[in-house]
Amino acid sequence: MKNLLPILTVLAAIAALWYVAVAPMNIRGALDMAERGGAEVVPAESIARFDRSVWRLMMDNPEHIAAGYALERPRLPTPGQVGAELWKTTGDMALRGRALSKRSLIYHGWITLQSTLWGFALGTVLGMAGAIAIVYSRVVDMSLMPWAIISQTIPIVALAPMIIVLSSQVGIEGRTVPKAIISAYLCYFPVLVGMVKGLRSPGAAQLDLLRTYSASGLQAFLKLRLPASMPYLFTSLKIGIAAALVGTIVGELPTGAISGLGARILIGDQFGTPLAIWAALFAAAILAGVLVTLLDVMQRVTLKRMGMQT
């Protein structure tokens, strides 16, 4: 309960600010709808309204503010509208046995999840391998780490189309592999940095003690460095899985895909359906939360079995 109360307080504050923001964001649409319905609005001309601030329009037309909370295509939907759309495309379709319908966000979430997991696995392997090389080789440390840092300065939005084009040029068919590569690109860096920090966490006294026992380098790695790196690794994995999901969604945007949460966001933008965009965004956030929670459970179980956490 002590952990739940702060979370609920933050969510309540976000919801309150959201509801307050709906009125100025949707007032122009509400006035346009009222004008088409024959109601009196101030000013009467749409061009004149365009030149006025939303705050002035709200002061001149207070009776039309409420209509902005019920628009079919709002610029900013209310949390209730987003929740209703999310339920309609997930829970309601699941209850009707249409969870795998192409109109269901469960289906699109599964498509995105597959590429995310492949990219997460690839990024984790690359990150851990790079971290081990950096810790045990000064040459690799001085050469690889700067390039790893520089790679993160390249915008993923610009890099994603290049990866997709290069993948097609080398004969990689389908969209799963390019999306997984983009996902791995965002994932490997947090794992690399966290694993390097973890492998270097044992003190000099601990390493010297193993040397007095004539422990080999492999034994020192397995008995000391690797166990000591577990808390750092799981922390970086939780960051990496969220980054991998973002990479997959970004990778779905320039591919022309019709399946996946990124595709739903793009299609919603093209057809002017904000509710579909917001529902897909919330579905992605929920999916990320589930993945991070699963890793957190794995961390607690692993560290408890290792005697690091009660």
C-alpha atoms as a PDB file:
ATOM      1  CA  MET A   1       0.000   0.000   0.000  1.00  0.00           C
ATOM      2  CA  LYS A   2       2.923   2.334   0.743  1.00  0.00           C
ATOM      3  CA  ASN A   3       4.208   1.785  -2.802  1.00  0.00           C
ATOM      4  CA  LEU A   4       0.768   2.020  -4.403  1.00  0.00           C
ATOM      5  CA  LEU A   5      -0.277   5.366  -2.908  1.00  0.00           C
ATOM      6  CA  PRO A   6       2.425   7.506  -4.602  1.00  0.00           C
ATOM      7  CA  ILE A   7       1.686   5.837  -7.946  1.00  0.00           C
ATOM      8  CA  LEU A   8      -2.050   6.513  -7.643  1.00  0.00           C
ATOM      9  CA  THR A   9      -1.361  10.107  -6.588  1.00  0.00           C
ATOM     10  CA  VAL A  10       0.788  10.725  -9.683  1.00  0.00           C
ATOM     11  CA  LEU A  11      -1.811   9.067 -11.932  1.00  0.00           C
ATOM     12  CA  ALA A  12      -4.584  11.208 -10.424  1.00  0.00           C
ATOM     13  CA  ALA A  13      -2.535  14.361 -11.014  1.00  0.00           C
ATOM     14  CA  ILE A  14      -1.831  13.370 -14.627  1.00  0.00           C
ATOM     15  CA  ALA A  15      -5.519  12.587 -15.234  1.00  0.00           C
ATOM     16  CA  ALA A  16      -6.581  15.939 -13.738  1.00  0.00           C
ATOM     17  CA  LEU A  17      -4.117  17.894 -15.896  1.00  0.00           C
ATOM     18  CA  TRP A  18      -5.226  15.867 -18.912  1.00  0.00           C
ATOM     19  CA  TYR A  19      -8.900  16.742 -18.388  1.00  0.00           C
ATOM     20  CA  VAL A  20      -8.012  20.410 -17.948  1.00  0.00           C
ATOM     21  CA  ALA A  21      -5.995  20.384 -21.198  1.00  0.00           C
ATOM     22  CA  VAL A  22      -8.874  18.875 -23.196  1.00  0.00           C
ATOM     23  CA  ALA A  23     -10.912  22.092 -23.147  1.00  0.00           C
ATOM     24  CA  PRO A  24      -8.396  24.438 -24.849  1.00  0.00           C
ATOM     25  CA  MET A  25      -7.218  21.712 -27.225  1.00  0.00           C
ATOM     26  CA  ASN A  26     -10.733  20.920 -28.489  1.00  0.00           C
ATOM     27  CA  ILE A  27     -12.490  24.295 -28.284  1.00  0.00           C
ATOM     28  CA  ARG A  28     -12.006  25.062 -31.993  1.00  0.00           C
ATOM     29  CA  GLY A  29     -13.492  21.716 -33.000  1.00  0.00           C
ATOM     30  CA  ALA A  30     -16.390  22.220 -30.583  1.00  0.00           C
ATOM     31  CA  LEU A  31     -17.153  25.655 -32.055  1.00  0.00           C
ATOM     32  CA  ASP A  32     -16.987  24.340 -35.604  1.00  0.00           C
ATOM     33  CA  MET A  33     -19.433  21.583 -34.691  1.00  0.00           C
ATOM     34  CA  ALA A  34     -21.739  24.089 -32.952  1.00  0.00           C
ATOM     35  CA  GLU A  35     -21.654  26.370 -35.996  1.00  0.00           C
ATOM     36  CA  ARG A  36     -22.623  23.513 -38.303  1.00  0.00           C
ATOM     37  CA  GLY A  37     -25.489  22.710 -35.942  1.00  0.00           C
ATOM     38  CA  GLY A  38     -26.857  26.239 -36.225  1.00  0.00           C
ATOM     39  CA  ALA A  39     -25.790  27.458 -32.773  1.00  0.00           C
ATOM     40  CA  GLU A  40     -24.468  30.944 -32.189  1.00  0.00           C
ATOM     41  CA  VAL A  41     -20.714  31.189 -31.676  1.00  0.00           C
ATOM     42  CA  VAL A  42     -18.363  34.142 -31.196  1.00  0.00           C
ATOM     43  CA  PRO A  43     -16.935  35.105 -33.592  1.00  0.00           C
ATOM     44  CA  ALA A  44     -19.255  33.655 -36.207  1.00  0.00           C
ATOM     45  CA  GLU A  45     -16.639  33.359 -38.968  1.00  0.00           C
ATOM     46  CA  SER A  46     -14.237  30.410 -38.810  1.00  0.00           C
ATOM     47  CA  ILE A  47     -11.387  32.532 -40.202  1.00  0.00           C
ATOM     48  CA  ALA A  48     -11.828  35.030 -37.391  1.00  0.00           C
ATOM     49  CA  ARG A  49     -11.834  32.223 -34.829  1.00  0.00           C
ATOM     50  CA  PHE A  50      -8.601  30.878 -36.263  1.00  0.00           C
ATOM     51  CA  ASP A  51      -6.859  34.161 -35.490  1.00  0.00           C
ATOM     52  CA  ARG A  52      -7.981  34.191 -31.845  1.00  0.00           C
ATOM     53  CA  SER A  53      -6.315  32.316 -29.002  1.00  0.00           C
ATOM     54  CA  VAL A  54      -8.047  29.302 -27.520  1.00  0.00           C
ATOM     55  CA  TRP A  55      -8.320  31.095 -24.161  1.00  0.00           C
ATOM     56  CA  ARG A  56     -10.228  33.988 -25.726  1.00  0.00           C
ATOM     57  CA  LEU A  57     -12.509  31.558 -27.539  1.00  0.00           C
ATOM     58  CA  MET A  58     -13.246  29.752 -24.268  1.00  0.00           C
ATOM     59  CA  MET A  59     -14.088  33.044 -22.516  1.00  0.00           C
ATOM     60  CA  ASP A  60     -16.377  34.138 -25.378  1.00  0.00           C
ATOM     61  CA  ASN A  61     -18.097  30.738 -25.698  1.00  0.00           C
ATOM     62  CA  PRO A  62     -18.283  29.106 -22.230  1.00  0.00           C
ATOM     63  CA  GLU A  63     -21.475  27.242 -23.113  1.00  0.00           C
ATOM     64  CA  HIS A  64     -19.645  25.249 -25.819  1.00  0.00           C
ATOM     65  CA  ILE A  65     -16.671  24.127 -23.722  1.00  0.00           C
ATOM     66  CA  ALA A  66     -18.413  20.928 -22.602  1.00  0.00           C
ATOM     67  CA  ALA A  67     -18.925  19.864 -26.235  1.00  0.00           C
ATOM     68  CA  GLY A  68     -15.147  19.572 -26.594  1.00  0.00           C
ATOM     69  CA  TYR A  69     -15.205  16.611 -24.215  1.00  0.00           C
ATOM     70  CA  ALA A  70     -17.460  14.567 -26.515  1.00  0.00           C
ATOM     71  CA  LEU A  71     -16.072  15.089 -30.012  1.00  0.00           C
ATOM     72  CA  GLU A  72     -15.879  12.037 -32.259  1.00  0.00           C
ATOM     73  CA  ARG A  73     -12.464  13.068 -33.590  1.00  0.00           C
ATOM     74  CA  PRO A  74     -10.960  15.239 -30.869  1.00  0.00           C
ATOM     75  CA  ARG A  75      -7.552  16.792 -31.129  1.00  0.00           C
ATOM     76  CA  LEU A  76      -6.978  15.588 -27.546  1.00  0.00           C
ATOM     77  CA  PRO A  77      -9.347  12.827 -26.359  1.00  0.00           C
ATOM     78  CA  THR A  78     -10.279  12.440 -22.715  1.00  0.00           C
ATOM     79  CA  PRO A  79      -8.882   9.534 -20.676  1.00  0.00           C
ATOM     80  CA  GLY A  80     -12.366   8.020 -20.710  1.00  0.00           C
ATOM     81  CA  GLN A  81     -12.516   8.102 -24.513  1.00  0.00           C
ATOM     82  CA  VAL A  82      -9.074   6.510 -24.778  1.00  0.00           C
ATOM     83  CA  GLY A  83     -10.045   3.848 -22.236  1.00  0.00           C
ATOM     84  CA  ALA A  84     -13.252   3.060 -24.124  1.00  0.00           C
ATOM     85  CA  GLU A  85     -11.376   2.747 -27.437  1.00  0.00           C
ATOM     86  CA  LEU A  86      -8.696   0.598 -25.801  1.00  0.00           C
ATOM     87  CA  TRP A  87     -11.321  -1.722 -24.320  1.00  0.00           C
ATOM     88  CA  LYS A  88     -13.178  -1.931 -27.624  1.00  0.00           C
ATOM     89  CA  THR A  89     -10.029  -3.046 -29.455  1.00  0.00           C
ATOM     90  CA  THR A  90      -8.724  -5.398 -26.750  1.00  0.00           C
ATOM     91  CA  GLY A  91     -10.956  -6.767 -23.998  1.00  0.00           C
ATOM     92  CA  ASP A  92     -14.244  -6.535 -25.883  1.00  0.00           C
ATOM     93  CA  MET A  93     -12.822  -8.272 -28.946  1.00  0.00           C
ATOM     94  CA  ALA A  94     -11.240 -10.946 -26.755  1.00  0.00           C
ATOM     95  CA  LEU A  95     -14.612 -11.648 -25.098  1.00  0.00           C
ATOM     96  CA  ARG A  96     -16.164 -12.026 -28.547  1.00  0.00           C
ATOM     97  CA  GLY A  97     -13.446 -14.467 -29.622  1.00  0.00           C
ATOM     98  CA  ARG A  98     -11.800 -12.009 -32.005  1.00  0.00           C
ATOM     99  CA  ALA A  99      -8.564 -11.389 -30.100  1.00  0.00           C
ATOM    100  CA  LEU A 100      -6.491 -12.271 -33.179  1.00  0.00           C
ATOM    101  CA  SER A 101      -8.556 -10.141 -35.546  1.00  0.00           C
ATOM    102  CA  LYS A 102      -6.529  -7.592 -37.485  1.00  0.00           C
ATOM    103  CA  ARG A 103      -8.658  -4.887 -35.867  1.00  0.00           C
ATOM    104  CA  SER A 104      -7.572  -6.037 -32.416  1.00  0.00           C
ATOM    105  CA  LEU A 105      -4.687  -4.379 -30.604  1.00  0.00           C
ATOM    106  CA  ILE A 106      -3.917  -7.759 -29.042  1.00  0.00           C
ATOM    107  CA  TYR A 107      -2.997  -9.042 -32.497  1.00  0.00           C
ATOM    108  CA  HIS A 108      -0.944  -5.941 -33.327  1.00  0.00           C
ATOM    109  CA  GLY A 109       0.712  -6.068 -29.909  1.00  0.00           C
ATOM    110  CA  TRP A 110       1.746  -9.669 -30.567  1.00  0.00           C
ATOM    111  CA  ILE A 111       3.314  -8.673 -33.899  1.00  0.00           C
ATOM    112  CA  THR A 112       5.279  -5.908 -32.195  1.00  0.00           C
ATOM    113  CA  LEU A 113       6.222  -8.153 -29.276  1.00  0.00           C
ATOM    114  CA  GLN A 114       7.855 -10.759 -31.540  1.00  0.00           C
ATOM    115  CA  SER A 115      10.271  -8.273 -33.091  1.00  0.00           C
ATOM    116  CA  THR A 116      10.863  -6.685 -29.690  1.00  0.00           C
ATOM    117  CA  LEU A 117      11.913  -9.980 -28.117  1.00  0.00           C
ATOM    118  CA  TRP A 118      14.190 -10.858 -31.048  1.00  0.00           C
ATOM    119  CA  GLY A 119      15.795  -7.421 -30.897  1.00  0.00           C
ATOM    120  CA  PHE A 120      16.068  -7.578 -27.118  1.00  0.00           C
ATOM    121  CA  ALA A 121      17.801 -10.956 -27.285  1.00  0.00           C
ATOM    122  CA  LEU A 122      20.214  -9.741 -29.969  1.00  0.00           C
ATOM    123  CA  GLY A 123      20.936  -6.474 -28.175  1.00  0.00           C
ATOM    124  CA  THR A 124      21.483  -8.270 -24.856  1.00  0.00           C
ATOM    125  CA  VAL A 125      23.942 -10.735 -26.378  1.00  0.00           C
ATOM    126  CA  LEU A 126      25.869  -7.950 -28.140  1.00  0.00           C
ATOM    127  CA  GLY A 127      25.862  -5.771 -25.038  1.00  0.00           C
ATOM    128  CA  MET A 128      27.092  -8.518 -22.719  1.00  0.00           C
ATOM    129  CA  ALA A 129      29.748  -9.691 -25.178  1.00  0.00           C
ATOM    130  CA  GLY A 130      30.980  -6.137 -25.666  1.00  0.00           C
ATOM    131  CA  ALA A 131      31.060  -5.530 -21.914  1.00  0.00           C
ATOM    132  CA  ILE A 132      33.150  -8.638 -21.272  1.00  0.00           C
ATOM    133  CA  ALA A 133      35.575  -7.625 -24.018  1.00  0.00           C
ATOM    134  CA  ILE A 134      35.852  -4.090 -22.622  1.00  0.00           C
ATOM    135  CA  VAL A 135      36.513  -5.273 -19.065  1.00  0.00           C
ATOM    136  CA  TYR A 136      39.185  -7.795 -20.053  1.00  0.00           C
ATOM    137  CA  SER A 137      40.891  -5.839 -22.843  1.00  0.00           C
ATOM    138  CA  ARG A 138      42.201  -2.308 -22.519  1.00  0.00           C
ATOM    139  CA  VAL A 139      42.517  -2.032 -26.296  1.00  0.00           C
ATOM    140  CA  VAL A 140      38.836  -2.891 -26.763  1.00  0.00           C
ATOM    141  CA  ASP A 141      37.911  -0.518 -23.945  1.00  0.00           C
ATOM    142  CA  MET A 142      39.686   2.391 -25.635  1.00  0.00           C
ATOM    143  CA  SER A 143      38.346   1.567 -29.095  1.00  0.00           C
ATOM    144  CA  LEU A 144      34.840   0.123 -28.651  1.00  0.00           C
ATOM    145  CA  MET A 145      33.383   2.259 -25.861  1.00  0.00           C
ATOM    146  CA  PRO A 146      33.797   5.631 -27.650  1.00  0.00           C
ATOM    147  CA  TRP A 147      32.142   4.227 -30.765  1.00  0.00           C
ATOM    148  CA  ALA A 148      29.319   2.764 -28.678  1.00  0.00           C
ATOM    149  CA  ILE A 149      28.696   6.200 -27.176  1.00  0.00           C
ATOM    150  CA  ILE A 150      28.877   7.944 -30.559  1.00  0.00           C
ATOM    151  CA  SER A 151      26.400   5.453 -32.051  1.00  0.00           C
ATOM    152  CA  GLN A 152      23.718   6.651 -29.660  1.00  0.00           C
ATOM    153  CA  THR A 153      23.898  10.195 -31.049  1.00  0.00           C
ATOM    154  CA  ILE A 154      22.443   9.061 -34.394  1.00  0.00           C
ATOM    155  CA  PRO A 155      18.657   9.659 -34.453  1.00  0.00           C
ATOM    156  CA  ILE A 156      16.870   6.323 -34.741  1.00  0.00           C
ATOM    157  CA  VAL A 157      14.236   7.940 -36.978  1.00  0.00           C
ATOM    158  CA  ALA A 158      16.968   8.650 -39.541  1.00  0.00           C
ATOM    159  CA  LEU A 159      18.713   5.307 -39.082  1.00  0.00           C
ATOM    160  CA  ALA A 160      15.634   3.087 -39.348  1.00  0.00           C
ATOM    161  CA  PRO A 161      14.962   3.655 -43.082  1.00  0.00           C
ATOM    162  CA  MET A 162      18.659   3.029 -43.847  1.00  0.00           C
ATOM    163  CA  ILE A 163      18.563  -0.324 -42.021  1.00  0.00           C
ATOM    164  CA  ILE A 164      15.401  -1.329 -43.863  1.00  0.00           C
ATOM    165  CA  VAL A 165      16.873  -0.427 -47.278  1.00  0.00           C
ATOM    166  CA  LEU A 166      20.162  -2.202 -46.562  1.00  0.00           C
ATOM    167  CA  SER A 167      18.320  -5.288 -45.333  1.00  0.00           C
ATOM    168  CA  SER A 168      16.369  -5.523 -48.558  1.00  0.00           C
ATOM    169  CA  GLN A 169      19.551  -5.010 -50.602  1.00  0.00           C
ATOM    170  CA  VAL A 170      21.304  -7.970 -48.956  1.00  0.00           C
ATOM    171  CA  GLY A 171      18.324 -10.217 -49.566  1.00  0.00           C
ATOM    172  CA  ILE A 172      16.655 -10.181 -46.122  1.00  0.00           C
ATOM    173  CA  GLU A 173      12.965 -10.676 -46.802  1.00  0.00           C
ATOM    174  CA  GLY A 174      10.165  -9.714 -44.463  1.00  0.00           C
ATOM    175  CA  ARG A 175       9.933  -6.980 -41.865  1.00  0.00           C
ATOM    176  CA  THR A 176      10.745  -8.892 -38.675  1.00  0.00           C
ATOM    177  CA  VAL A 177      14.551  -8.917 -39.081  1.00  0.00           C
ATOM    178  CA  PRO A 178      14.953  -5.182 -39.886  1.00  0.00           C
ATOM    179  CA  LYS A 179      12.701  -4.282 -36.955  1.00  0.00           C
ATOM    180  CA  ALA A 180      14.689  -6.595 -34.685  1.00  0.00           C
ATOM    181  CA  ILE A 181      17.948  -4.943 -35.790  1.00  0.00           C
ATOM    182  CA  ILE A 182      16.545  -1.488 -35.050  1.00  0.00           C
ATOM    183  CA  SER A 183      15.286  -2.763 -31.703  1.00  0.00           C
ATOM    184  CA  ALA A 184      18.691  -4.274 -30.872  1.00  0.00           C
ATOM    185  CA  TYR A 185      20.405  -0.994 -31.788  1.00  0.00           C
ATOM    186  CA  LEU A 186      18.520   0.829 -29.027  1.00  0.00           C
ATOM    187  CA  CYS A 187      18.781  -2.054 -26.591  1.00  0.00           C
ATOM    188  CA  TYR A 188      22.453  -2.970 -26.625  1.00  0.00           C
ATOM    189  CA  PHE A 189      23.859   0.287 -25.223  1.00  0.00           C
ATOM    190  CA  PRO A 190      22.092   0.223 -21.811  1.00  0.00           C
ATOM    191  CA  VAL A 191      23.068  -3.440 -21.442  1.00  0.00           C
ATOM    192  CA  LEU A 192      26.666  -2.679 -22.431  1.00  0.00           C
ATOM    193  CA  VAL A 193      27.057   0.176 -19.950  1.00  0.00           C
ATOM    194  CA  GLY A 194      25.282  -1.619 -17.110  1.00  0.00           C
ATOM    195  CA  MET A 195      27.246  -4.822 -17.610  1.00  0.00           C
ATOM    196  CA  VAL A 196      30.581  -2.970 -17.719  1.00  0.00           C
ATOM    197  CA  LYS A 197      29.699  -1.243 -14.454  1.00  0.00           C
ATOM    198  CA  GLY A 198      28.659  -4.552 -12.894  1.00  0.00           C
ATOM    199  CA  LEU A 199      31.711  -6.510 -13.998  1.00  0.00           C
ATOM    200  CA  ARG A 200      33.959  -3.790 -12.593  1.00  0.00           C
ATOM    201  CA  SER A 201      32.070  -3.546  -9.298  1.00  0.00           C
ATOM    202  CA  PRO A 202      34.195  -6.095  -7.332  1.00  0.00           C
ATOM    203  CA  GLY A 203      36.893  -4.364  -5.320  1.00  0.00           C
ATOM    204  CA  ALA A 204      40.629  -4.904  -5.573  1.00  0.00           C
ATOM    205  CA  ALA A 205      40.645  -6.794  -2.262  1.00  0.00           C
ATOM    206  CA  GLN A 206      38.138  -9.334  -3.578  1.00  0.00           C
ATOM    207  CA  LEU A 207      40.137  -9.870  -6.768  1.00  0.00           C
ATOM    208  CA  ASP A 208      43.363 -10.204  -4.794  1.00  0.00           C
ATOM    209  CA  LEU A 209      41.739 -12.825  -2.557  1.00  0.00           C
ATOM    210  CA  LEU A 210      40.896 -14.955  -5.595  1.00  0.00           C
ATOM    211  CA  ARG A 211      44.466 -14.644  -6.818  1.00  0.00           C
ATOM    212  CA  THR A 212      45.735 -15.980  -3.492  1.00  0.00           C
ATOM    213  CA  TYR A 213      43.516 -19.022  -4.087  1.00  0.00           C
ATOM    214  CA  SER A 214      45.147 -19.416  -7.534  1.00  0.00           C
ATOM    215  CA  ALA A 215      41.807 -18.891  -9.239  1.00  0.00           C
ATOM    216  CA  SER A 216      41.935 -18.673 -13.013  1.00  0.00           C
ATOM    217  CA  GLY A 217      40.499 -15.798 -15.003  1.00  0.00           C
ATOM    218  CA  LEU A 218      37.452 -17.875 -15.905  1.00  0.00           C
ATOM    219  CA  GLN A 219      36.879 -18.825 -12.278  1.00  0.00           C
ATOM    220  CA  ALA A 220      37.171 -15.196 -11.212  1.00  0.00           C
ATOM    221  CA  PHE A 221      34.609 -14.284 -13.858  1.00  0.00           C
ATOM    222  CA  LEU A 222      32.133 -17.010 -12.937  1.00  0.00           C
ATOM    223  CA  LYS A 223      32.550 -16.838  -9.157  1.00  0.00           C
ATOM    224  CA  LEU A 224      32.952 -13.094  -8.612  1.00  0.00           C
ATOM    225  CA  ARG A 225      32.495 -10.731 -11.536  1.00  0.00           C
ATOM    226  CA  LEU A 226      29.378 -12.311 -13.069  1.00  0.00           C
ATOM    227  CA  PRO A 227      27.436 -12.697  -9.778  1.00  0.00           C
ATOM    228  CA  ALA A 228      28.394  -9.163  -8.749  1.00  0.00           C
ATOM    229  CA  SER A 229      27.090  -7.821 -12.060  1.00  0.00           C
ATOM    230  CA  MET A 230      23.597  -9.304 -11.713  1.00  0.00           C
ATOM    231  CA  PRO A 231      21.906  -6.278 -10.048  1.00  0.00           C
ATOM    232  CA  TYR A 232      23.429  -3.966 -12.667  1.00  0.00           C
ATOM    233  CA  LEU A 233      22.495  -6.330 -15.481  1.00  0.00           C
ATOM    234  CA  PHE A 234      18.832  -6.607 -14.514  1.00  0.00           C
ATOM    235  CA  THR A 235      18.561  -2.837 -14.125  1.00  0.00           C
ATOM    236  CA  SER A 236      19.993  -2.333 -17.603  1.00  0.00           C
ATOM    237  CA  LEU A 237      17.766  -5.101 -19.006  1.00  0.00           C
ATOM    238  CA  LYS A 238      14.659  -3.292 -17.777  1.00  0.00           C
ATOM    239  CA  ILE A 239      15.834  -0.158 -19.563  1.00  0.00           C
ATOM    240  CA  GLY A 240      16.807  -2.212 -22.610  1.00  0.00           C
ATOM    241  CA  ILE A 241      13.450  -3.965 -23.009  1.00  0.00           C
ATOM    242  CA  ALA A 242      11.624  -0.630 -23.005  1.00  0.00           C
ATOM    243  CA  ALA A 243      14.116   0.773 -25.523  1.00  0.00           C
ATOM    244  CA  ALA A 244      13.719  -2.356 -27.666  1.00  0.00           C
ATOM    245  CA  LEU A 245       9.951  -1.828 -27.780  1.00  0.00           C
ATOM    246  CA  VAL A 246      10.431   1.789 -28.848  1.00  0.00           C
ATOM    247  CA  GLY A 247      12.855   0.650 -31.546  1.00  0.00           C
ATOM    248  CA  THR A 248      10.364  -1.881 -32.902  1.00  0.00           C
ATOM    249  CA  ILE A 249       7.570   0.689 -33.064  1.00  0.00           C
ATOM    250  CA  VAL A 250       9.860   3.195 -34.807  1.00  0.00           C
ATOM    251  CA  GLY A 251      10.933   0.437 -37.206  1.00  0.00           C
ATOM    252  CA  GLU A 252       7.310  -0.215 -38.151  1.00  0.00           C
ATOM    253  CA  LEU A 253       6.689   3.364 -39.250  1.00  0.00           C
ATOM    254  CA  PRO A 254       8.818   3.602 -42.447  1.00  0.00           C
ATOM    255  CA  THR A 255       8.263   0.002 -43.597  1.00  0.00           C
ATOM    256  CA  GLY A 256       4.695   0.473 -44.772  1.00  0.00           C
ATOM    257  CA  ALA A 257       3.645  -2.304 -42.403  1.00  0.00           C
ATOM    258  CA  ILE A 258      -0.050  -2.897 -41.805  1.00  0.00           C
ATOM    259  CA  SER A 259       0.460  -4.915 -38.622  1.00  0.00           C
ATOM    260  CA  GLY A 260       1.988  -3.861 -35.322  1.00  0.00           C
ATOM    261  CA  LEU A 261       1.384  -1.047 -32.861  1.00  0.00           C
ATOM    262  CA  GLY A 262       3.572   1.318 -34.879  1.00  0.00           C
ATOM    263  CA  ALA A 263       1.511   0.557 -37.976  1.00  0.00           C
ATOM    264  CA  ARG A 264      -1.694   1.299 -36.047  1.00  0.00           C
ATOM    265  CA  ILE A 265      -0.283   4.658 -34.971  1.00  0.00           C
ATOM    266  CA  LEU A 266       0.686   5.489 -38.555  1.00  0.00           C
ATOM    267  CA  ILE A 267      -2.660   4.369 -40.003  1.00  0.00           C
ATOM    268  CA  GLY A 268      -4.525   6.341 -37.346  1.00  0.00           C
ATOM    269  CA  ASP A 269      -2.556   9.445 -38.295  1.00  0.00           C
ATOM    270  CA  GLN A 270      -3.188   8.939 -42.014  1.00  0.00           C
ATOM    271  CA  PHE A 271      -6.941   8.475 -41.587  1.00  0.00           C
ATOM    272  CA  GLY A 272      -7.344  11.190 -38.962  1.00  0.00           C
ATOM    273  CA  THR A 273      -8.507   8.966 -36.100  1.00  0.00           C
ATOM    274  CA  PRO A 274      -6.834  10.278 -32.931  1.00  0.00           C
ATOM    275  CA  LEU A 275      -8.566   7.708 -30.725  1.00  0.00           C
ATOM    276  CA  ALA A 276      -6.874   4.867 -32.629  1.00  0.00           C
ATOM    277  CA  ILE A 277      -3.491   6.578 -32.174  1.00  0.00           C
ATOM    278  CA  TRP A 278      -3.975   7.088 -28.448  1.00  0.00           C
ATOM    279  CA  ALA A 279      -5.263   3.538 -27.934  1.00  0.00           C
ATOM    280  CA  ALA A 280      -2.186   2.123 -29.686  1.00  0.00           C
ATOM    281  CA  LEU A 281       0.089   4.360 -27.591  1.00  0.00           C
ATOM    282  CA  PHE A 282      -1.538   3.157 -24.380  1.00  0.00           C
ATOM    283  CA  ALA A 283      -1.325  -0.447 -25.557  1.00  0.00           C
ATOM    284  CA  ALA A 284       2.406   0.030 -26.140  1.00  0.00           C
ATOM    285  CA  ALA A 285       2.810   1.563 -22.672  1.00  0.00           C
ATOM    286  CA  ILE A 286       0.935  -1.337 -21.075  1.00  0.00           C
ATOM    287  CA  LEU A 287       3.044  -3.851 -23.013  1.00  0.00           C
ATOM    288  CA  ALA A 288       6.236  -2.118 -21.854  1.00  0.00           C
ATOM    289  CA  GLY A 289       4.989  -2.143 -18.279  1.00  0.00           C
ATOM    290  CA  VAL A 290       4.263  -5.868 -18.433  1.00  0.00           C
ATOM    291  CA  LEU A 291       7.705  -6.654 -19.871  1.00  0.00           C
ATOM    292  CA  VAL A 292       9.511  -4.546 -17.265  1.00  0.00           C
ATOM    293  CA  THR A 293       7.441  -6.127 -14.489  1.00  0.00           C
ATOM    294  CA  LEU A 294       8.356  -9.628 -15.680  1.00  0.00           C
ATOM    295  CA  LEU A 295      12.036  -8.704 -15.632  1.00  0.00           C
ATOM    296  CA  ASP A 296      11.618  -7.240 -12.156  1.00  0.00           C
ATOM    297  CA  VAL A 297      10.116 -10.522 -10.937  1.00  0.00           C
ATOM    298  CA  MET A 298      12.992 -12.429 -12.544  1.00  0.00           C
ATOM    299  CA  GLN A 299      15.445 -10.088 -10.811  1.00  0.00           C
ATOM    300  CA  ARG A 300      13.874 -10.662  -7.392  1.00  0.00           C
ATOM    301  CA  VAL A 301      13.836 -14.437  -7.823  1.00  0.00           C
ATOM    302  CA  THR A 302      17.400 -14.592  -9.178  1.00  0.00           C
ATOM    303  CA  LEU A 303      18.928 -12.328  -6.548  1.00  0.00           C
ATOM    304  CA  LYS A 304      17.065 -14.117  -3.773  1.00  0.00           C
ATOM    305  CA  ARG A 305      18.410 -17.477  -4.915  1.00  0.00           C
ATOM    306  CA  MET A 306      21.906 -15.958  -5.022  1.00  0.00           C
ATOM    307  CA  GLY A 307      21.506 -14.667  -1.468  1.00  0.00           C
ATOM    308  CA  MET A 308      21.679 -11.015  -2.504  1.00  0.00           C
ATOM    309  CA  GLN A 309      18.088 -10.107  -1.676  1.00  0.00           C
ATOM    310  CA  THR A 310      15.666 -11.269   0.960  1.00  0.00           C
END
